[in-house]
Amino acid sequence: MKTAQKPTYSFLILMIGLIIINTLLARFAVLAFPFDKVLGVSSFYIAIAFMILFTLWFGGYGAIAAYAGCFIGSGVLGGIPLHVNWYWSLSGLWQVLIPLVAFRLLHVDPTLDKRRDMIIFVIFGLIINNAFGALWGTVTLAIDSGQVMPAFIAWFIGNVIVTALIVPLALRHGTPHIRKTKVFVRNYWD
């Protein structure tokens, strides 16, 4: 009988590394592709594709890193007030947790070799997660400015494009290599 993998310092180092990568990608996206009408929103948020990948490969560690990367890279460094940033950054967390939970509950192979797995990815890892994250994020930031709908559309479409271009290819070609490492997480934490 195979015993569950126990968290080690490797996971702490991995999570810190993922937080740094996510923070840098989030900051770059907000600087390079800002949505001018709403502070902290990027119309081409490349960080989300990597946040989804990291969460599907590294489970809860990737999800924590996604929240922290969004909080620091887009929020703190993007000038979002701290009292708003705490709940606004949950948008990044929802965007990675939705596909993670769907993949784990529905037993999706992250290589997306089967048509069923690709369909589940499109529904939960491309559409629902990005729509919910965009709605959460724009409502918390843009409601006072009256820019909810334009910000939602920019956020959603940009994230769908980035996710569609990066995630399926990286899952298909990267998962076999990541699976061989000690830090690949098959469930949520082990």
N, C-alpha and C. Protein backbone atom coordinates (compact mmCIF):
# COMPACT_ATOMS: atom_id res chain seq x y z
N MET A 1 0.84 -1.19 0.00
CA MET A 1 0.00 0.00 0.00
C MET A 1 0.89 1.25 0.00
N LYS A 2 0.57 2.16 -0.85
CA LYS A 2 1.35 3.39 -0.98
C LYS A 2 0.93 4.38 0.11
N THR A 3 1.90 4.93 0.80
CA THR A 3 1.59 5.92 1.83
C THR A 3 1.52 7.31 1.22
N ALA A 4 0.78 8.16 1.88
CA ALA A 4 0.63 9.54 1.38
C ALA A 4 1.97 10.28 1.53
N GLN A 5 2.22 11.10 0.56
CA GLN A 5 3.44 11.92 0.58
C GLN A 5 3.29 12.98 1.67
N LYS A 6 4.29 13.12 2.49
CA LYS A 6 4.22 14.10 3.58
C LYS A 6 4.89 15.40 3.14
N PRO A 7 4.25 16.53 3.46
CA PRO A 7 4.87 17.81 3.12
C PRO A 7 6.25 17.95 3.76
N THR A 8 7.16 18.47 3.03
CA THR A 8 8.52 18.69 3.51
C THR A 8 8.91 20.12 3.21
N TYR A 9 10.14 20.43 3.55
CA TYR A 9 10.64 21.77 3.24
C TYR A 9 10.62 22.03 1.73
N SER A 10 10.63 20.96 0.93
CA SER A 10 10.57 21.11 -0.53
C SER A 10 9.31 21.86 -0.95
N PHE A 11 8.20 21.58 -0.27
CA PHE A 11 6.95 22.25 -0.62
C PHE A 11 6.95 23.71 -0.19
N LEU A 12 7.60 23.99 0.92
CA LEU A 12 7.73 25.38 1.35
C LEU A 12 8.58 26.17 0.35
N ILE A 13 9.69 25.60 -0.05
CA ILE A 13 10.56 26.25 -1.05
C ILE A 13 9.81 26.41 -2.37
N LEU A 14 9.09 25.36 -2.78
CA LEU A 14 8.29 25.42 -4.01
C LEU A 14 7.28 26.56 -3.92
N MET A 15 6.55 26.63 -2.81
CA MET A 15 5.51 27.65 -2.67
C MET A 15 6.11 29.05 -2.68
N ILE A 16 7.23 29.25 -2.03
CA ILE A 16 7.88 30.56 -2.04
C ILE A 16 8.32 30.91 -3.47
N GLY A 17 8.88 29.94 -4.17
CA GLY A 17 9.27 30.17 -5.56
C GLY A 17 8.08 30.51 -6.44
N LEU A 18 6.96 29.80 -6.26
CA LEU A 18 5.75 30.07 -7.04
C LEU A 18 5.19 31.45 -6.72
N ILE A 19 5.24 31.84 -5.45
CA ILE A 19 4.77 33.18 -5.07
C ILE A 19 5.60 34.24 -5.78
N ILE A 20 6.90 34.06 -5.82
CA ILE A 20 7.78 35.03 -6.49
C ILE A 20 7.46 35.09 -7.98
N ILE A 21 7.33 33.93 -8.62
CA ILE A 21 7.02 33.90 -10.06
C ILE A 21 5.67 34.55 -10.32
N ASN A 22 4.65 34.17 -9.54
CA ASN A 22 3.31 34.74 -9.73
C ASN A 22 3.30 36.24 -9.50
N THR A 23 4.03 36.70 -8.49
CA THR A 23 4.10 38.14 -8.21
C THR A 23 4.72 38.89 -9.38
N LEU A 24 5.82 38.38 -9.89
CA LEU A 24 6.49 39.03 -11.03
C LEU A 24 5.61 39.03 -12.27
N LEU A 25 4.95 37.91 -12.55
CA LEU A 25 4.07 37.84 -13.72
C LEU A 25 2.86 38.76 -13.57
N ALA A 26 2.29 38.80 -12.36
CA ALA A 26 1.15 39.67 -12.11
C ALA A 26 1.53 41.13 -12.27
N ARG A 27 2.66 41.51 -11.71
CA ARG A 27 3.11 42.90 -11.82
C ARG A 27 3.39 43.27 -13.25
N PHE A 28 4.07 42.38 -13.98
CA PHE A 28 4.36 42.62 -15.39
C PHE A 28 3.06 42.83 -16.18
N ALA A 29 2.08 41.96 -15.96
CA ALA A 29 0.83 42.06 -16.71
C ALA A 29 0.10 43.37 -16.45
N VAL A 30 0.08 43.80 -15.20
CA VAL A 30 -0.60 45.05 -14.86
C VAL A 30 0.15 46.25 -15.45
N LEU A 31 1.46 46.18 -15.47
CA LEU A 31 2.25 47.28 -16.06
C LEU A 31 2.19 47.27 -17.58
N ALA A 32 2.31 46.09 -18.18
CA ALA A 32 2.39 45.98 -19.64
C ALA A 32 1.03 46.09 -20.33
N PHE A 33 -0.02 45.59 -19.69
CA PHE A 33 -1.35 45.56 -20.32
C PHE A 33 -2.42 46.09 -19.37
N PRO A 34 -2.29 47.32 -18.90
CA PRO A 34 -3.27 47.83 -17.94
C PRO A 34 -4.62 48.10 -18.58
N PHE A 35 -5.67 47.89 -17.81
CA PHE A 35 -6.99 48.34 -18.20
C PHE A 35 -7.14 49.69 -17.53
N ASP A 36 -7.00 50.75 -18.30
CA ASP A 36 -6.84 52.10 -17.77
C ASP A 36 -7.96 52.60 -16.86
N LYS A 37 -9.13 52.06 -17.01
CA LYS A 37 -10.25 52.59 -16.26
C LYS A 37 -10.35 52.05 -14.83
N VAL A 38 -9.65 50.93 -14.53
CA VAL A 38 -9.75 50.33 -13.20
C VAL A 38 -8.36 49.93 -12.73
N LEU A 39 -7.95 50.46 -11.59
CA LEU A 39 -6.65 50.20 -10.99
C LEU A 39 -6.45 48.71 -10.72
N GLY A 40 -5.29 48.17 -11.07
CA GLY A 40 -4.94 46.78 -10.76
C GLY A 40 -5.44 45.75 -11.75
N VAL A 41 -6.24 46.15 -12.73
CA VAL A 41 -6.79 45.20 -13.69
C VAL A 41 -5.96 45.24 -14.97
N SER A 42 -5.64 44.05 -15.46
CA SER A 42 -4.89 43.92 -16.71
C SER A 42 -5.81 43.34 -17.77
N SER A 43 -5.73 43.87 -18.97
CA SER A 43 -6.56 43.34 -20.05
C SER A 43 -5.92 42.09 -20.67
N PHE A 44 -4.72 41.74 -20.25
CA PHE A 44 -4.03 40.54 -20.76
C PHE A 44 -3.17 40.01 -19.61
N TYR A 45 -3.82 39.39 -18.64
CA TYR A 45 -3.20 38.98 -17.38
C TYR A 45 -2.53 37.61 -17.55
N ILE A 46 -1.32 37.62 -18.09
CA ILE A 46 -0.63 36.37 -18.38
C ILE A 46 -0.37 35.53 -17.14
N ALA A 47 -0.33 36.16 -15.99
CA ALA A 47 -0.07 35.43 -14.74
C ALA A 47 -1.10 34.34 -14.49
N ILE A 48 -2.35 34.56 -14.91
CA ILE A 48 -3.40 33.60 -14.57
C ILE A 48 -3.14 32.23 -15.19
N ALA A 49 -2.58 32.18 -16.38
CA ALA A 49 -2.31 30.88 -17.01
C ALA A 49 -1.32 30.09 -16.16
N PHE A 50 -0.29 30.74 -15.68
CA PHE A 50 0.71 30.05 -14.86
C PHE A 50 0.16 29.72 -13.48
N MET A 51 -0.69 30.57 -12.95
CA MET A 51 -1.31 30.28 -11.66
C MET A 51 -2.18 29.03 -11.76
N ILE A 52 -2.92 28.89 -12.85
CA ILE A 52 -3.74 27.70 -13.06
C ILE A 52 -2.85 26.46 -13.20
N LEU A 53 -1.82 26.58 -14.03
CA LEU A 53 -0.89 25.45 -14.20
C LEU A 53 -0.28 25.02 -12.87
N PHE A 54 0.25 25.99 -12.14
CA PHE A 54 0.91 25.66 -10.87
C PHE A 54 -0.06 25.01 -9.90
N THR A 55 -1.31 25.43 -9.91
CA THR A 55 -2.29 24.85 -9.00
C THR A 55 -2.68 23.44 -9.43
N LEU A 56 -2.81 23.21 -10.72
CA LEU A 56 -3.13 21.86 -11.18
C LEU A 56 -1.97 20.90 -10.94
N TRP A 57 -0.75 21.40 -10.99
CA TRP A 57 0.42 20.55 -10.75
C TRP A 57 0.77 20.42 -9.28
N PHE A 58 0.58 21.48 -8.51
CA PHE A 58 1.07 21.50 -7.13
C PHE A 58 -0.04 21.69 -6.10
N GLY A 59 -1.29 21.51 -6.51
CA GLY A 59 -2.43 21.52 -5.61
C GLY A 59 -2.57 22.79 -4.79
N GLY A 60 -2.85 22.61 -3.50
CA GLY A 60 -3.08 23.73 -2.59
C GLY A 60 -1.91 24.68 -2.49
N TYR A 61 -0.70 24.17 -2.68
CA TYR A 61 0.48 25.03 -2.63
C TYR A 61 0.44 26.04 -3.78
N GLY A 62 0.00 25.57 -4.94
CA GLY A 62 -0.14 26.48 -6.09
C GLY A 62 -1.25 27.49 -5.88
N ALA A 63 -2.34 27.05 -5.21
CA ALA A 63 -3.46 27.96 -4.95
C ALA A 63 -3.05 29.07 -3.98
N ILE A 64 -2.33 28.71 -2.92
CA ILE A 64 -1.84 29.73 -1.98
C ILE A 64 -0.93 30.70 -2.71
N ALA A 65 -0.06 30.18 -3.55
CA ALA A 65 0.87 31.02 -4.32
C ALA A 65 0.11 31.93 -5.29
N ALA A 66 -1.00 31.46 -5.85
CA ALA A 66 -1.80 32.29 -6.75
C ALA A 66 -2.39 33.48 -6.01
N TYR A 67 -2.97 33.21 -4.83
CA TYR A 67 -3.54 34.30 -4.04
C TYR A 67 -2.45 35.30 -3.66
N ALA A 68 -1.34 34.79 -3.14
CA ALA A 68 -0.25 35.67 -2.70
C ALA A 68 0.34 36.46 -3.87
N GLY A 69 0.51 35.82 -5.02
CA GLY A 69 1.05 36.51 -6.19
C GLY A 69 0.14 37.61 -6.67
N CYS A 70 -1.16 37.35 -6.66
CA CYS A 70 -2.15 38.37 -7.05
C CYS A 70 -2.16 39.50 -6.02
N PHE A 71 -2.18 39.13 -4.75
CA PHE A 71 -2.21 40.10 -3.66
C PHE A 71 -1.01 41.05 -3.73
N ILE A 72 0.18 40.49 -3.93
CA ILE A 72 1.39 41.31 -3.95
C ILE A 72 1.59 41.99 -5.30
N GLY A 73 1.58 41.19 -6.38
CA GLY A 73 1.93 41.71 -7.70
C GLY A 73 0.93 42.67 -8.31
N SER A 74 -0.35 42.33 -8.19
CA SER A 74 -1.38 43.20 -8.76
C SER A 74 -1.92 44.18 -7.74
N GLY A 75 -2.07 43.71 -6.51
CA GLY A 75 -2.68 44.54 -5.47
C GLY A 75 -1.73 45.50 -4.80
N VAL A 76 -0.80 44.99 -4.01
CA VAL A 76 0.11 45.87 -3.26
C VAL A 76 0.93 46.73 -4.21
N LEU A 77 1.59 46.08 -5.18
CA LEU A 77 2.43 46.84 -6.12
C LEU A 77 1.60 47.62 -7.14
N GLY A 78 0.34 47.25 -7.29
CA GLY A 78 -0.55 47.95 -8.22
C GLY A 78 -1.29 49.12 -7.59
N GLY A 79 -1.10 49.31 -6.29
CA GLY A 79 -1.70 50.47 -5.62
C GLY A 79 -3.10 50.27 -5.11
N ILE A 80 -3.58 49.05 -5.03
CA ILE A 80 -4.92 48.81 -4.50
C ILE A 80 -4.87 48.95 -2.98
N PRO A 81 -5.78 49.69 -2.40
CA PRO A 81 -5.77 49.86 -0.94
C PRO A 81 -5.82 48.50 -0.24
N LEU A 82 -5.05 48.38 0.81
CA LEU A 82 -4.91 47.11 1.52
C LEU A 82 -6.26 46.54 1.98
N HIS A 83 -7.14 47.41 2.48
CA HIS A 83 -8.43 46.92 2.97
C HIS A 83 -9.30 46.34 1.86
N VAL A 84 -9.05 46.73 0.61
CA VAL A 84 -9.76 46.17 -0.54
C VAL A 84 -9.01 44.96 -1.10
N ASN A 85 -7.69 45.05 -1.08
CA ASN A 85 -6.85 44.02 -1.67
C ASN A 85 -7.07 42.65 -1.04
N TRP A 86 -7.34 42.59 0.26
CA TRP A 86 -7.53 41.30 0.93
C TRP A 86 -8.63 40.49 0.27
N TYR A 87 -9.78 41.11 -0.02
CA TYR A 87 -10.87 40.35 -0.63
C TYR A 87 -10.84 40.42 -2.15
N TRP A 88 -10.28 41.47 -2.73
CA TRP A 88 -10.16 41.55 -4.19
C TRP A 88 -9.28 40.43 -4.72
N SER A 89 -8.18 40.14 -4.03
CA SER A 89 -7.24 39.11 -4.48
C SER A 89 -7.83 37.71 -4.46
N LEU A 90 -8.97 37.54 -3.82
CA LEU A 90 -9.65 36.25 -3.88
C LEU A 90 -10.04 35.90 -5.32
N SER A 91 -10.12 36.90 -6.19
CA SER A 91 -10.44 36.62 -7.60
C SER A 91 -9.43 35.65 -8.19
N GLY A 92 -8.15 35.85 -7.91
CA GLY A 92 -7.12 34.93 -8.40
C GLY A 92 -7.26 33.55 -7.78
N LEU A 93 -7.63 33.51 -6.51
CA LEU A 93 -7.82 32.23 -5.84
C LEU A 93 -8.97 31.45 -6.44
N TRP A 94 -10.10 32.12 -6.70
CA TRP A 94 -11.25 31.42 -7.31
C TRP A 94 -10.87 30.89 -8.69
N GLN A 95 -10.10 31.67 -9.42
CA GLN A 95 -9.75 31.28 -10.79
C GLN A 95 -8.88 30.03 -10.84
N VAL A 96 -8.17 29.71 -9.76
CA VAL A 96 -7.36 28.49 -9.75
C VAL A 96 -8.04 27.36 -8.98
N LEU A 97 -8.85 27.69 -7.97
CA LEU A 97 -9.52 26.65 -7.19
C LEU A 97 -10.62 25.94 -7.98
N ILE A 98 -11.33 26.68 -8.80
CA ILE A 98 -12.42 26.07 -9.57
C ILE A 98 -11.90 24.94 -10.46
N PRO A 99 -10.85 25.17 -11.28
CA PRO A 99 -10.35 24.03 -12.07
C PRO A 99 -9.72 22.94 -11.20
N LEU A 100 -9.05 23.31 -10.11
CA LEU A 100 -8.43 22.30 -9.25
C LEU A 100 -9.49 21.36 -8.68
N VAL A 101 -10.54 21.91 -8.12
CA VAL A 101 -11.60 21.08 -7.54
C VAL A 101 -12.26 20.24 -8.63
N ALA A 102 -12.54 20.83 -9.78
CA ALA A 102 -13.16 20.07 -10.88
C ALA A 102 -12.25 18.92 -11.34
N PHE A 103 -10.97 19.20 -11.51
CA PHE A 103 -10.04 18.16 -11.95
C PHE A 103 -9.97 17.03 -10.92
N ARG A 104 -9.93 17.37 -9.64
CA ARG A 104 -9.80 16.34 -8.62
C ARG A 104 -11.10 15.55 -8.45
N LEU A 105 -12.24 16.22 -8.40
CA LEU A 105 -13.51 15.52 -8.22
C LEU A 105 -13.91 14.68 -9.42
N LEU A 106 -13.59 15.17 -10.61
CA LEU A 106 -13.98 14.48 -11.84
C LEU A 106 -12.86 13.60 -12.40
N HIS A 107 -11.77 13.47 -11.66
CA HIS A 107 -10.65 12.60 -12.03
C HIS A 107 -10.13 12.89 -13.44
N VAL A 108 -9.82 14.15 -13.67
CA VAL A 108 -9.30 14.59 -14.96
C VAL A 108 -7.79 14.37 -15.00
N ASP A 109 -7.33 13.78 -16.08
CA ASP A 109 -5.89 13.63 -16.30
C ASP A 109 -5.38 14.96 -16.84
N PRO A 110 -4.44 15.61 -16.13
CA PRO A 110 -3.98 16.93 -16.57
C PRO A 110 -3.25 16.95 -17.91
N THR A 111 -2.95 15.79 -18.48
CA THR A 111 -2.35 15.81 -19.82
C THR A 111 -3.41 16.10 -20.89
N LEU A 112 -4.67 16.05 -20.49
CA LEU A 112 -5.80 16.33 -21.38
C LEU A 112 -5.81 15.44 -22.62
N ASP A 113 -5.40 14.19 -22.46
CA ASP A 113 -5.35 13.25 -23.58
C ASP A 113 -6.73 12.84 -24.08
N LYS A 114 -7.69 12.80 -23.18
CA LYS A 114 -9.04 12.37 -23.56
C LYS A 114 -9.91 13.59 -23.84
N ARG A 115 -10.85 13.40 -24.74
CA ARG A 115 -11.78 14.48 -25.11
C ARG A 115 -12.56 14.96 -23.88
N ARG A 116 -12.98 14.02 -23.04
CA ARG A 116 -13.71 14.35 -21.82
C ARG A 116 -12.90 15.29 -20.94
N ASP A 117 -11.60 15.01 -20.79
CA ASP A 117 -10.74 15.85 -19.96
C ASP A 117 -10.61 17.25 -20.53
N MET A 118 -10.51 17.34 -21.84
CA MET A 118 -10.42 18.66 -22.49
C MET A 118 -11.73 19.44 -22.32
N ILE A 119 -12.85 18.77 -22.43
CA ILE A 119 -14.15 19.44 -22.24
C ILE A 119 -14.27 19.97 -20.81
N ILE A 120 -13.87 19.17 -19.84
CA ILE A 120 -13.93 19.61 -18.44
C ILE A 120 -12.99 20.80 -18.24
N PHE A 121 -11.81 20.75 -18.86
CA PHE A 121 -10.90 21.90 -18.77
C PHE A 121 -11.55 23.15 -19.34
N VAL A 122 -12.16 23.04 -20.51
CA VAL A 122 -12.78 24.22 -21.15
C VAL A 122 -13.88 24.79 -20.26
N ILE A 123 -14.70 23.92 -19.69
CA ILE A 123 -15.81 24.39 -18.86
C ILE A 123 -15.32 25.01 -17.55
N PHE A 124 -14.45 24.29 -16.82
CA PHE A 124 -14.05 24.73 -15.47
C PHE A 124 -12.73 25.48 -15.41
N GLY A 125 -11.84 25.24 -16.37
CA GLY A 125 -10.52 25.87 -16.34
C GLY A 125 -10.36 27.01 -17.31
N LEU A 126 -11.39 27.25 -18.11
CA LEU A 126 -11.31 28.32 -19.09
C LEU A 126 -12.49 29.29 -18.96
N ILE A 127 -13.71 28.77 -18.85
CA ILE A 127 -14.89 29.64 -18.87
C ILE A 127 -15.39 30.00 -17.47
N ILE A 128 -15.80 29.00 -16.69
CA ILE A 128 -16.42 29.29 -15.39
C ILE A 128 -15.44 30.00 -14.46
N ASN A 129 -14.22 29.50 -14.35
CA ASN A 129 -13.26 30.10 -13.42
C ASN A 129 -12.92 31.53 -13.81
N ASN A 130 -12.70 31.78 -15.10
CA ASN A 130 -12.35 33.13 -15.53
C ASN A 130 -13.53 34.08 -15.45
N ALA A 131 -14.74 33.58 -15.70
CA ALA A 131 -15.93 34.43 -15.56
C ALA A 131 -16.15 34.80 -14.09
N PHE A 132 -16.03 33.81 -13.21
CA PHE A 132 -16.25 34.09 -11.79
C PHE A 132 -15.17 35.02 -11.23
N GLY A 133 -13.92 34.75 -11.59
CA GLY A 133 -12.83 35.61 -11.12
C GLY A 133 -12.96 37.03 -11.63
N ALA A 134 -13.32 37.17 -12.90
CA ALA A 134 -13.49 38.51 -13.48
C ALA A 134 -14.66 39.24 -12.82
N LEU A 135 -15.74 38.53 -12.57
CA LEU A 135 -16.89 39.15 -11.93
C LEU A 135 -16.54 39.58 -10.51
N TRP A 136 -15.94 38.67 -9.74
CA TRP A 136 -15.54 38.99 -8.37
C TRP A 136 -14.61 40.20 -8.35
N GLY A 137 -13.57 40.15 -9.16
CA GLY A 137 -12.56 41.20 -9.15
C GLY A 137 -13.09 42.55 -9.60
N THR A 138 -13.86 42.56 -10.66
CA THR A 138 -14.33 43.86 -11.16
C THR A 138 -15.41 44.46 -10.28
N VAL A 139 -16.25 43.63 -9.72
CA VAL A 139 -17.28 44.18 -8.83
C VAL A 139 -16.63 44.78 -7.59
N THR A 140 -15.61 44.13 -7.03
CA THR A 140 -14.98 44.66 -5.84
C THR A 140 -14.18 45.93 -6.11
N LEU A 141 -13.70 46.10 -7.34
CA LEU A 141 -12.89 47.28 -7.65
C LEU A 141 -13.64 48.38 -8.39
N ALA A 142 -14.50 47.99 -9.30
CA ALA A 142 -15.03 48.96 -10.24
C ALA A 142 -16.45 49.44 -9.96
N ILE A 143 -17.08 48.93 -8.93
CA ILE A 143 -18.47 49.28 -8.69
C ILE A 143 -18.66 50.78 -8.48
N ASP A 144 -17.72 51.43 -7.81
CA ASP A 144 -17.84 52.87 -7.59
C ASP A 144 -17.57 53.68 -8.84
N SER A 145 -16.78 53.13 -9.75
CA SER A 145 -16.43 53.89 -10.95
C SER A 145 -17.44 53.73 -12.07
N GLY A 146 -18.38 52.80 -11.94
CA GLY A 146 -19.34 52.57 -13.00
C GLY A 146 -18.74 51.81 -14.18
N GLN A 147 -17.57 51.22 -13.99
CA GLN A 147 -16.87 50.53 -15.07
C GLN A 147 -16.92 49.01 -14.92
N VAL A 148 -17.92 48.48 -14.24
CA VAL A 148 -17.97 47.04 -13.99
C VAL A 148 -18.01 46.26 -15.30
N MET A 149 -18.91 46.59 -16.20
CA MET A 149 -19.05 45.79 -17.42
C MET A 149 -17.83 45.90 -18.33
N PRO A 150 -17.31 47.09 -18.62
CA PRO A 150 -16.10 47.13 -19.46
C PRO A 150 -14.91 46.42 -18.82
N ALA A 151 -14.74 46.56 -17.50
CA ALA A 151 -13.63 45.90 -16.82
C ALA A 151 -13.84 44.38 -16.82
N PHE A 152 -15.07 43.93 -16.60
CA PHE A 152 -15.36 42.50 -16.62
C PHE A 152 -15.03 41.91 -17.99
N ILE A 153 -15.48 42.57 -19.04
CA ILE A 153 -15.24 42.06 -20.40
C ILE A 153 -13.75 42.00 -20.70
N ALA A 154 -13.01 43.06 -20.36
CA ALA A 154 -11.56 43.08 -20.61
C ALA A 154 -10.88 41.97 -19.81
N TRP A 155 -11.22 41.84 -18.55
CA TRP A 155 -10.63 40.84 -17.67
C TRP A 155 -10.93 39.43 -18.19
N PHE A 156 -12.21 39.15 -18.46
CA PHE A 156 -12.64 37.82 -18.88
C PHE A 156 -12.02 37.43 -20.22
N ILE A 157 -12.16 38.27 -21.21
CA ILE A 157 -11.64 37.93 -22.55
C ILE A 157 -10.12 37.78 -22.52
N GLY A 158 -9.43 38.69 -21.87
CA GLY A 158 -7.98 38.59 -21.78
C GLY A 158 -7.53 37.30 -21.10
N ASN A 159 -8.19 36.95 -19.99
CA ASN A 159 -7.81 35.73 -19.28
C ASN A 159 -8.15 34.47 -20.07
N VAL A 160 -9.26 34.48 -20.78
CA VAL A 160 -9.62 33.32 -21.60
C VAL A 160 -8.59 33.12 -22.70
N ILE A 161 -8.18 34.19 -23.35
CA ILE A 161 -7.18 34.08 -24.42
C ILE A 161 -5.86 33.54 -23.87
N VAL A 162 -5.39 34.13 -22.79
CA VAL A 162 -4.12 33.70 -22.20
C VAL A 162 -4.19 32.24 -21.75
N THR A 163 -5.27 31.89 -21.06
CA THR A 163 -5.44 30.53 -20.57
C THR A 163 -5.52 29.53 -21.72
N ALA A 164 -6.28 29.87 -22.75
CA ALA A 164 -6.44 28.96 -23.90
C ALA A 164 -5.14 28.75 -24.66
N LEU A 165 -4.31 29.77 -24.73
CA LEU A 165 -3.05 29.66 -25.48
C LEU A 165 -1.97 28.92 -24.70
N ILE A 166 -1.93 29.07 -23.40
CA ILE A 166 -0.81 28.53 -22.61
C ILE A 166 -1.13 27.22 -21.89
N VAL A 167 -2.24 27.17 -21.20
CA VAL A 167 -2.50 26.06 -20.27
C VAL A 167 -2.61 24.69 -20.95
N PRO A 168 -3.44 24.52 -21.99
CA PRO A 168 -3.54 23.16 -22.56
C PRO A 168 -2.21 22.62 -23.09
N LEU A 169 -1.44 23.45 -23.76
CA LEU A 169 -0.14 23.00 -24.27
C LEU A 169 0.82 22.66 -23.14
N ALA A 170 0.86 23.50 -22.12
CA ALA A 170 1.75 23.25 -20.99
C ALA A 170 1.31 22.00 -20.23
N LEU A 171 0.00 21.80 -20.06
CA LEU A 171 -0.47 20.60 -19.37
C LEU A 171 -0.10 19.35 -20.17
N ARG A 172 -0.35 19.39 -21.46
CA ARG A 172 -0.07 18.22 -22.29
C ARG A 172 1.41 17.85 -22.29
N HIS A 173 2.26 18.84 -22.46
CA HIS A 173 3.69 18.57 -22.62
C HIS A 173 4.48 18.65 -21.31
N GLY A 174 4.01 19.41 -20.36
CA GLY A 174 4.74 19.57 -19.11
C GLY A 174 4.37 18.58 -18.03
N THR A 175 3.11 18.15 -18.01
CA THR A 175 2.64 17.25 -16.95
C THR A 175 3.46 15.96 -16.84
N PRO A 176 3.78 15.29 -17.95
CA PRO A 176 4.58 14.07 -17.80
C PRO A 176 5.92 14.30 -17.08
N HIS A 177 6.53 15.44 -17.30
CA HIS A 177 7.80 15.76 -16.65
C HIS A 177 7.59 16.15 -15.18
N ILE A 178 6.57 16.96 -14.92
CA ILE A 178 6.27 17.40 -13.56
C ILE A 178 5.87 16.21 -12.69
N ARG A 179 5.13 15.26 -13.26
CA ARG A 179 4.70 14.08 -12.51
C ARG A 179 5.87 13.28 -11.95
N LYS A 180 7.01 13.34 -12.60
CA LYS A 180 8.19 12.58 -12.16
C LYS A 180 8.89 13.22 -10.97
N THR A 181 8.51 14.45 -10.62
CA THR A 181 9.16 15.14 -9.51
C THR A 181 8.49 14.78 -8.19
N LYS A 182 9.19 15.06 -7.10
CA LYS A 182 8.65 14.78 -5.77
C LYS A 182 7.61 15.81 -5.34
N VAL A 183 7.51 16.91 -6.05
CA VAL A 183 6.59 17.97 -5.63
C VAL A 183 5.27 17.97 -6.40
N PHE A 184 5.10 17.05 -7.34
CA PHE A 184 3.81 16.93 -8.03
C PHE A 184 2.78 16.48 -7.00
N VAL A 185 1.63 17.15 -6.98
CA VAL A 185 0.57 16.84 -6.02
C VAL A 185 -0.60 16.22 -6.76
N ARG A 186 -0.94 14.99 -6.38
CA ARG A 186 -2.00 14.26 -7.05
C ARG A 186 -3.41 14.64 -6.53
N ASN A 187 -3.50 15.06 -5.30
CA ASN A 187 -4.78 15.46 -4.73
C ASN A 187 -4.78 16.97 -4.50
N TYR A 188 -4.91 17.37 -3.25
CA TYR A 188 -4.86 18.79 -2.93
C TYR A 188 -3.55 19.15 -2.24
N TRP A 189 -3.06 18.23 -1.38
CA TRP A 189 -1.85 18.49 -0.61
C TRP A 189 -0.81 17.38 -0.74
N ASP A 190 -1.18 16.24 -1.27
CA ASP A 190 -0.22 15.14 -1.39
C ASP A 190 -0.35 14.44 -2.71
